[in-house]
C-alpha atoms as a PDB file:
ATOM      1  CA  UNK A   1     192.570 219.156 -59.033  1.00  0.00           C
ATOM      2  CA  UNK A   2     191.195 216.408 -56.794  1.00  0.00           C
ATOM      3  CA  UNK A   3     194.405 214.425 -57.188  1.00  0.00           C
ATOM      4  CA  UNK A   4     196.512 217.362 -56.022  1.00  0.00           C
ATOM      5  CA  UNK A   5     194.235 217.983 -53.038  1.00  0.00           C
ATOM      6  CA  UNK A   6     194.299 214.282 -52.168  1.00  0.00           C
ATOM      7  CA  UNK A   7     198.087 214.220 -52.343  1.00  0.00           C
ATOM      8  CA  UNK A   8     198.220 217.207 -49.974  1.00  0.00           C
ATOM      9  CA  UNK A   9     195.807 215.510 -47.539  1.00  0.00           C
ATOM     10  CA  UNK A  10     197.794 212.269 -47.583  1.00  0.00           C
ATOM     11  CA  UNK A  11     201.107 214.046 -46.946  1.00  0.00           C
ATOM     12  CA  UNK A  12     200.058 216.655 -44.379  1.00  0.00           C
ATOM     13  CA  UNK A  13     197.088 215.117 -42.558  1.00  0.00           C
ATOM     14  CA  UNK A  14     196.143 211.687 -41.256  1.00  0.00           C
ATOM     15  CA  UNK A  15     193.779 210.942 -44.144  1.00  0.00           C
ATOM     16  CA  UNK A  16     193.691 207.474 -45.682  1.00  0.00           C
ATOM     17  CA  UNK A  17     192.524 206.632 -49.212  1.00  0.00           C
ATOM     18  CA  UNK A  18     189.679 204.496 -47.846  1.00  0.00           C
ATOM     19  CA  UNK A  19     188.353 207.346 -45.689  1.00  0.00           C
ATOM     20  CA  UNK A  20     188.692 209.844 -48.528  1.00  0.00           C
ATOM     21  CA  UNK A  21     186.873 207.640 -51.051  1.00  0.00           C
ATOM     22  CA  UNK A  22     184.067 206.801 -48.628  1.00  0.00           C
ATOM     23  CA  UNK A  23     183.543 210.417 -47.634  1.00  0.00           C
ATOM     24  CA  UNK A  24     183.808 211.652 -51.206  1.00  0.00           C
ATOM     25  CA  UNK A  25     181.285 209.172 -52.590  1.00  0.00           C
ATOM     26  CA  UNK A  26     178.863 209.794 -49.713  1.00  0.00           C
ATOM     27  CA  UNK A  27     178.937 213.586 -50.071  1.00  0.00           C
ATOM     28  CA  UNK A  28     178.654 213.475 -53.865  1.00  0.00           C
ATOM     29  CA  UNK A  29     175.758 211.037 -53.587  1.00  0.00           C
ATOM     30  CA  UNK A  30     173.919 213.411 -51.247  1.00  0.00           C
ATOM     31  CA  UNK A  31     174.578 216.361 -53.559  1.00  0.00           C
ATOM     32  CA  UNK A  32     173.248 214.428 -56.557  1.00  0.00           C
ATOM     33  CA  UNK A  33     170.108 213.455 -54.666  1.00  0.00           C
ATOM     34  CA  UNK A  34     169.535 217.087 -53.688  1.00  0.00           C
ATOM     35  CA  UNK A  35     170.091 218.187 -57.297  1.00  0.00           C
ATOM     36  CA  UNK A  36     167.584 215.628 -58.579  1.00  0.00           C
ATOM     37  CA  UNK A  37     165.021 216.741 -56.025  1.00  0.00           C
ATOM     38  CA  UNK A  38     165.479 220.433 -56.869  1.00  0.00           C
ATOM     39  CA  UNK A  39     165.531 220.089 -60.661  1.00  0.00           C
ATOM     40  CA  UNK A  40     162.891 217.404 -61.210  1.00  0.00           C
ATOM     41  CA  UNK A  41     160.783 217.617 -58.076  1.00  0.00           C
ATOM     42  CA  UNK A  42     160.667 213.814 -57.928  1.00  0.00           C
ATOM     43  CA  UNK A  43     161.121 211.800 -54.777  1.00  0.00           C
ATOM     44  CA  UNK A  44     164.733 210.825 -54.171  1.00  0.00           C
ATOM     45  CA  UNK A  45     163.551 207.491 -52.780  1.00  0.00           C
ATOM     46  CA  UNK A  46     161.829 206.462 -56.015  1.00  0.00           C
ATOM     47  CA  UNK A  47     164.749 204.216 -57.015  1.00  0.00           C
ATOM     48  CA  UNK A  48     164.281 202.079 -53.882  1.00  0.00           C
ATOM     49  CA  UNK A  49     160.882 200.813 -55.107  1.00  0.00           C
ATOM     50  CA  UNK A  50     162.307 198.617 -57.873  1.00  0.00           C
ATOM     51  CA  UNK A  51     164.463 195.665 -56.776  1.00  0.00           C
ATOM     52  CA  UNK A  52     166.313 195.483 -60.104  1.00  0.00           C
ATOM     53  CA  UNK A  53     167.300 199.147 -59.876  1.00  0.00           C
ATOM     54  CA  UNK A  54     168.501 198.634 -56.308  1.00  0.00           C
ATOM     55  CA  UNK A  55     170.736 195.734 -57.352  1.00  0.00           C
ATOM     56  CA  UNK A  56     172.029 197.666 -60.363  1.00  0.00           C
ATOM     57  CA  UNK A  57     172.860 200.670 -58.207  1.00  0.00           C
ATOM     58  CA  UNK A  58     174.646 198.605 -55.568  1.00  0.00           C
ATOM     59  CA  UNK A  59     176.575 196.638 -58.197  1.00  0.00           C
ATOM     60  CA  UNK A  60     177.636 199.847 -59.940  1.00  0.00           C
ATOM     61  CA  UNK A  61     178.832 201.318 -56.665  1.00  0.00           C
ATOM     62  CA  UNK A  62     180.698 198.235 -55.418  1.00  0.00           C
ATOM     63  CA  UNK A  63     182.078 196.996 -58.748  1.00  0.00           C
ATOM     64  CA  UNK A  64     182.467 200.275 -60.622  1.00  0.00           C
ATOM     65  CA  UNK A  65     182.902 203.434 -58.600  1.00  0.00           C
ATOM     66  CA  UNK A  66     184.527 202.084 -55.443  1.00  0.00           C
ATOM     67  CA  UNK A  67     187.376 200.143 -57.116  1.00  0.00           C
ATOM     68  CA  UNK A  68     188.009 202.921 -59.631  1.00  0.00           C
ATOM     69  CA  UNK A  69     188.193 205.650 -57.012  1.00  0.00           C
ATOM     70  CA  UNK A  70     190.080 203.565 -54.468  1.00  0.00           C
ATOM     71  CA  UNK A  71     192.807 202.450 -56.858  1.00  0.00           C
ATOM     72  CA  UNK A  72     193.236 206.030 -58.093  1.00  0.00           C
ATOM     73  CA  UNK A  73     193.669 207.423 -54.586  1.00  0.00           C
ATOM     74  CA  UNK A  74     195.876 204.507 -53.521  1.00  0.00           C
ATOM     75  CA  UNK A  75     198.134 205.312 -56.494  1.00  0.00           C
ATOM     76  CA  UNK A  76     198.303 208.909 -55.305  1.00  0.00           C
ATOM     77  CA  UNK A  77     199.025 207.815 -51.737  1.00  0.00           C
ATOM     78  CA  UNK A  78     201.919 205.562 -52.708  1.00  0.00           C
ATOM     79  CA  UNK A  79     203.097 207.576 -55.711  1.00  0.00           C
ATOM     80  CA  UNK A  80     201.993 211.029 -56.769  1.00  0.00           C
ATOM     81  CA  UNK A  81     199.023 212.755 -58.392  1.00  0.00           C
ATOM     82  CA  UNK A  82     200.442 213.242 -61.919  1.00  0.00           C
ATOM     83  CA  UNK A  83     201.506 209.606 -62.261  1.00  0.00           C
ATOM     84  CA  UNK A  84     198.182 208.333 -60.912  1.00  0.00           C
ATOM     85  CA  UNK A  85     196.276 210.545 -63.347  1.00  0.00           C
ATOM     86  CA  UNK A  86     198.282 209.333 -66.336  1.00  0.00           C
ATOM     87  CA  UNK A  87     197.770 205.709 -65.282  1.00  0.00           C
ATOM     88  CA  UNK A  88     194.042 206.303 -64.820  1.00  0.00           C
ATOM     89  CA  UNK A  89     193.614 207.652 -68.332  1.00  0.00           C
ATOM     90  CA  UNK A  90     195.892 205.028 -69.885  1.00  0.00           C
ATOM     91  CA  UNK A  91     193.841 202.223 -68.306  1.00  0.00           C
ATOM     92  CA  UNK A  92     191.326 201.827 -71.152  1.00  0.00           C
ATOM     93  CA  UNK A  93     194.083 201.875 -73.772  1.00  0.00           C
ATOM     94  CA  UNK A  94     196.192 199.340 -71.902  1.00  0.00           C
ATOM     95  CA  UNK A  95     193.217 197.037 -71.328  1.00  0.00           C
ATOM     96  CA  UNK A  96     192.500 197.134 -75.079  1.00  0.00           C
ATOM     97  CA  UNK A  97     196.001 195.801 -75.855  1.00  0.00           C
ATOM     98  CA  UNK A  98     195.915 193.187 -73.095  1.00  0.00           C
ATOM     99  CA  UNK A  99     192.725 191.591 -74.392  1.00  0.00           C
END
């Protein structure tokens, strides 16, 4: 569903993939922090006390989530949602045969 909505935004509004990914990741991050606070009662800033966890989190965001999301939405922007979705789910299979 997000691919179809993204395709609509790209075609009918002045939304870019970079803006969409940044906004999407920011909002989802805030929602997850709120969920953690509500369900566990723990401080949402607890992760910022351990330098290794900070580096792991930043690396995951910059090397994992950002490229994955950005390439998916760029494929939608320059192609279409169904093709981008098929390519996204074929990625692990194709990488297996390449290596």
